[in-house]
Amino acid sequence: MQPATEAIAYGKLTDPELAQRISAGDKQAFELLMRRHNQILYRTARSILKDEAEAEDAVQEAYLLAYRGMSGFRGDAKLSTWLVRIVVNEAIARARRRKRGAEIIQLSGETQEDSEAAEGNMNETLPEQPEGAAQRAQTRRLLESKIDELPDAFRTVFVLRALQELSVEESAAALGIPEATVRSRFFRARGLLREALSKEIDLAYGDAFAFAGARCDRIVAGVMAKLEESGKP
């Protein structure tokens, strides 16, 4: 089988078929598995650890654990759900080691806000505009920083539901919490995020279309230069 044909064939494998081949020692199937699920695992680990390098380490360790335990995958849940559970456990373990004596991340316990929330619809994102790449990058960094500030219990739920677009059922299965808790935490997380972003916008109002500094100096200098050229006192 030619490499291109082989790649296509591997790409058509279902999750159970991938798991079976990986259990048999097929490294190419394992590579396909990683490429298929890298984003959701990284985002999940990142939402817990709030550190890019450590999230990458957690994902790598989770994959190693998954590889060694692949024979135990029975297919009664989606493979992505099974993998998310592994990376959640690994990330929480790392967070515990990092936060000795500090408050430990709790994804399964109830929070005060859980009982106050109900789920709504997510706003659609605007289509990407090439000319606004720099502005979008700045917006993305702001959004990421505000997501990082969400309470631990809400942050991972938000990432799975909003960024990865997992269903309530899938998120609940991946995190091992009730569906009602996923709904309430997602609703509360969106509210907190909107509030934080709104404050940033309010603070930015005073800086909109700013005229001080270089722009002010440039216009004054331009007018004075034209006056001098015209010979008017």
Protein backbone atom coordinates (compact mmCIF):
# COMPACT_ATOMS: atom_id res chain seq x y z
CA MET A 1 0.00 0.00 0.00
CA GLN A 2 1.34 3.41 -1.02
CA PRO A 3 1.85 6.00 1.79
CA ALA A 4 -0.94 8.28 0.53
CA THR A 5 -3.37 5.39 0.18
CA GLU A 6 -2.36 4.08 3.57
CA ALA A 7 -2.94 7.48 5.17
CA ILE A 8 -6.44 7.64 3.66
CA ALA A 9 -7.18 4.14 4.90
CA TYR A 10 -6.05 5.01 8.42
CA GLY A 11 -8.08 8.20 8.34
CA LYS A 12 -11.25 6.17 7.79
CA LEU A 13 -10.72 4.06 10.89
CA THR A 14 -13.31 4.42 13.62
CA ASP A 15 -12.25 4.99 17.23
CA PRO A 16 -12.78 1.33 18.24
CA GLU A 17 -10.79 0.20 15.21
CA LEU A 18 -8.00 2.61 16.14
CA ALA A 19 -8.02 1.34 19.71
CA GLN A 20 -7.76 -2.25 18.51
CA ARG A 21 -4.82 -1.49 16.25
CA ILE A 22 -3.06 0.51 18.97
CA SER A 23 -3.52 -2.36 21.40
CA ALA A 24 -1.79 -4.55 18.83
CA GLY A 25 1.19 -2.17 18.77
CA ASP A 26 0.37 -0.15 15.64
CA LYS A 27 2.30 3.10 16.16
CA GLN A 28 0.90 4.75 13.03
CA ALA A 29 -2.61 4.25 14.35
CA PHE A 30 -1.51 5.79 17.66
CA GLU A 31 -0.10 8.82 15.84
CA LEU A 32 -3.44 9.25 14.04
CA LEU A 33 -5.22 9.02 17.39
CA MET A 34 -3.05 11.78 18.83
CA ARG A 35 -3.55 14.08 15.85
CA ARG A 36 -7.27 13.47 15.98
CA HIS A 37 -7.62 14.37 19.66
CA ASN A 38 -4.69 16.71 20.39
CA GLN A 39 -6.73 19.90 20.47
CA ILE A 40 -9.42 18.78 22.88
CA LEU A 41 -6.89 17.20 25.24
CA TYR A 42 -4.61 20.23 25.21
CA ARG A 43 -7.47 22.66 25.78
CA THR A 44 -8.78 20.51 28.62
CA ALA A 45 -5.39 20.28 30.34
CA ARG A 46 -4.74 23.99 29.74
CA SER A 47 -8.08 24.89 31.32
CA ILE A 48 -7.06 23.11 34.53
CA LEU A 49 -3.38 24.01 34.73
CA LYS A 50 -3.44 27.50 33.13
CA ASP A 51 0.10 26.87 31.90
CA GLU A 52 0.91 25.98 28.29
CA ALA A 53 4.10 24.02 28.89
CA GLU A 54 2.64 22.03 31.77
CA ALA A 55 -0.52 21.36 29.78
CA GLU A 56 1.58 19.90 26.97
CA ASP A 57 3.39 17.69 29.48
CA ALA A 58 0.06 16.55 30.91
CA VAL A 59 -1.24 15.66 27.46
CA GLN A 60 1.89 13.68 26.66
CA GLU A 61 1.65 11.77 29.92
CA ALA A 62 -2.05 11.14 29.31
CA TYR A 63 -1.29 9.68 25.90
CA LEU A 64 1.33 7.39 27.41
CA LEU A 65 -1.18 6.22 30.00
CA ALA A 66 -3.77 5.71 27.28
CA TYR A 67 -1.34 3.75 25.13
CA ARG A 68 -0.47 1.42 27.99
CA GLY A 69 -4.11 0.98 28.92
CA MET A 70 -5.64 0.87 25.44
CA SER A 71 -6.49 -2.81 25.79
CA GLY A 72 -8.86 -1.79 28.56
CA PHE A 73 -10.92 0.44 26.25
CA ARG A 74 -14.22 -1.38 25.73
CA GLY A 75 -15.97 1.10 23.45
CA ASP A 76 -18.87 1.70 25.82
CA ALA A 77 -18.04 5.43 25.61
CA LYS A 78 -16.49 7.59 22.91
CA LEU A 79 -12.72 7.31 22.74
CA SER A 80 -12.44 11.09 23.05
CA THR A 81 -14.44 10.94 26.30
CA TRP A 82 -12.15 8.23 27.64
CA LEU A 83 -9.07 10.27 26.72
CA VAL A 84 -10.46 13.46 28.26
CA ARG A 85 -11.04 11.61 31.53
CA ILE A 86 -7.40 10.50 31.52
CA VAL A 87 -6.03 13.98 30.83
CA VAL A 88 -8.36 15.54 33.43
CA ASN A 89 -7.04 13.15 36.07
CA GLU A 90 -3.45 13.80 35.04
CA ALA A 91 -3.90 17.59 35.01
CA ILE A 92 -5.63 17.60 38.40
CA ALA A 93 -2.84 15.46 39.85
CA ARG A 94 -0.30 17.96 38.55
CA ALA A 95 -2.34 20.86 39.95
CA ARG A 96 -2.41 19.18 43.34
CA ARG A 97 1.35 18.73 43.33
CA ARG A 98 1.79 22.35 42.31
CA LYS A 99 -0.65 23.70 44.89
CA ARG A 100 0.53 21.96 48.02
CA GLY A 101 -1.57 23.34 50.87
CA ALA A 102 -3.64 25.50 48.50
CA GLU A 103 -7.23 25.04 47.43
CA ILE A 104 -7.51 21.93 45.28
CA ILE A 105 -9.35 21.91 41.98
CA GLN A 106 -12.78 20.32 42.32
CA LEU A 107 -14.60 19.34 39.16
CA SER A 108 -17.15 17.02 40.73
CA GLY A 109 -18.25 18.98 43.81
CA GLU A 110 -21.15 21.39 43.86
CA THR A 111 -20.49 25.13 43.99
CA GLN A 112 -22.71 27.90 45.27
CA GLU A 113 -23.29 29.19 41.76
CA ASP A 114 -24.41 25.79 40.43
CA SER A 115 -27.92 26.22 41.83
CA GLU A 116 -28.33 29.70 40.34
CA ALA A 117 -27.79 28.95 36.66
CA ALA A 118 -29.60 27.77 33.55
CA GLU A 119 -28.12 27.25 30.11
CA GLY A 120 -28.57 29.61 27.11
CA ASN A 121 -27.30 29.84 23.54
CA MET A 122 -23.77 30.79 22.59
CA ASN A 123 -23.26 33.84 20.39
CA GLU A 124 -21.93 33.08 16.93
CA THR A 125 -18.40 34.24 16.20
CA LEU A 126 -17.73 36.71 13.42
CA PRO A 127 -16.12 35.44 10.22
CA GLU A 128 -12.37 35.88 10.08
CA GLN A 129 -11.15 39.02 8.29
CA PRO A 130 -7.52 38.87 7.05
CA GLU A 131 -6.98 42.61 7.47
CA GLY A 132 -7.85 42.39 11.16
CA ALA A 133 -5.36 39.67 12.10
CA ALA A 134 -3.50 41.76 14.65
CA GLN A 135 -6.71 42.94 16.30
CA ARG A 136 -8.07 39.39 16.43
CA ALA A 137 -4.85 38.18 18.02
CA GLN A 138 -5.15 40.85 20.68
CA THR A 139 -8.80 39.93 21.27
CA ARG A 140 -7.88 36.25 21.50
CA ARG A 141 -5.22 36.97 24.12
CA LEU A 142 -7.73 39.01 26.14
CA LEU A 143 -10.30 36.23 25.90
CA GLU A 144 -7.78 33.58 26.94
CA SER A 145 -6.71 35.64 29.95
CA LYS A 146 -10.33 36.08 31.06
CA ILE A 147 -11.03 32.36 30.62
CA ASP A 148 -8.00 31.69 32.82
CA GLU A 149 -9.60 33.85 35.53
CA LEU A 150 -12.77 31.75 35.65
CA PRO A 151 -13.17 29.61 38.80
CA ASP A 152 -11.62 26.16 38.44
CA ALA A 153 -14.94 24.33 38.50
CA PHE A 154 -16.34 26.44 35.65
CA ARG A 155 -13.29 26.83 33.41
CA THR A 156 -12.99 23.28 32.13
CA VAL A 157 -16.73 22.99 31.54
CA PHE A 158 -16.62 26.22 29.53
CA VAL A 159 -13.68 25.04 27.42
CA LEU A 160 -15.33 21.72 26.59
CA ARG A 161 -18.73 23.25 25.81
CA ALA A 162 -17.78 26.54 24.13
CA LEU A 163 -14.39 25.89 22.56
CA GLN A 164 -14.67 22.20 21.77
CA GLU A 165 -18.45 22.30 21.27
CA LEU A 166 -19.05 19.09 23.18
CA SER A 167 -22.65 18.38 24.07
CA VAL A 168 -23.89 18.55 27.64
CA GLU A 169 -24.01 14.76 27.72
CA GLU A 170 -20.46 14.39 26.36
CA SER A 171 -19.07 16.98 28.78
CA ALA A 172 -20.77 15.35 31.73
CA ALA A 173 -19.40 11.94 30.77
CA ALA A 174 -15.89 13.30 30.24
CA LEU A 175 -15.78 15.12 33.58
CA GLY A 176 -17.79 12.65 35.61
CA ILE A 177 -20.37 15.20 36.79
CA PRO A 178 -24.17 15.43 36.33
CA GLU A 179 -25.56 16.99 33.18
CA ALA A 180 -27.42 19.57 35.28
CA THR A 181 -24.09 20.65 36.78
CA VAL A 182 -22.59 21.05 33.31
CA ARG A 183 -25.52 23.26 32.29
CA SER A 184 -25.37 25.45 35.38
CA ARG A 185 -21.59 25.85 35.33
CA PHE A 186 -21.53 26.65 31.63
CA PHE A 187 -24.23 29.29 32.08
CA ARG A 188 -22.42 30.80 35.05
CA ALA A 189 -19.05 30.74 33.26
CA ARG A 190 -20.49 32.63 30.28
CA GLY A 191 -21.98 35.21 32.62
CA LEU A 192 -18.69 35.74 34.42
CA LEU A 193 -16.82 35.95 31.13
CA ARG A 194 -19.22 38.50 29.67
CA GLU A 195 -18.96 40.58 32.84
CA ALA A 196 -15.16 40.53 32.77
CA LEU A 197 -15.01 41.45 29.09
CA SER A 198 -17.59 44.20 29.63
CA LYS A 199 -15.37 45.76 32.30
CA GLU A 200 -12.42 45.72 29.90
CA ILE A 201 -14.52 47.48 27.27
CA ASP A 202 -15.70 50.10 29.76
CA LEU A 203 -12.09 50.82 30.73
CA ALA A 204 -11.16 51.16 27.07
CA TYR A 205 -13.79 53.81 26.29
CA GLY A 206 -11.52 56.62 27.48
CA ASP A 207 -8.76 55.48 25.15
CA ALA A 208 -10.90 55.19 22.02
CA PHE A 209 -9.72 57.41 19.14
CA ALA A 210 -7.03 58.84 21.40
CA PHE A 211 -5.50 62.06 20.11
CA ALA A 212 -2.61 62.69 22.46
CA GLY A 213 1.02 61.83 21.83
CA ALA A 214 2.48 61.27 18.37
CA ARG A 215 -0.73 61.94 16.42
CA CYS A 216 -1.26 65.28 18.18
CA ASP A 217 2.37 66.30 17.60
CA ARG A 218 2.20 65.24 13.95
CA ILE A 219 -0.90 67.32 13.18
CA VAL A 220 0.42 70.39 15.02
CA ALA A 221 3.73 70.11 13.20
CA GLY A 222 1.98 69.68 9.86
CA VAL A 223 -0.19 72.78 10.35
CA MET A 224 2.76 74.88 11.51
CA ALA A 225 4.82 73.74 8.53
CA LYS A 226 2.05 74.72 6.10
CA LEU A 227 1.69 78.11 7.77
CA GLU A 228 5.41 78.66 7.39
CA GLU A 229 5.28 77.63 3.73
CA SER A 230 2.43 80.07 3.06
CA GLY A 231 4.37 82.89 4.61
CA LYS A 232 1.52 83.91 6.90
CA PRO A 233 2.51 85.20 10.34
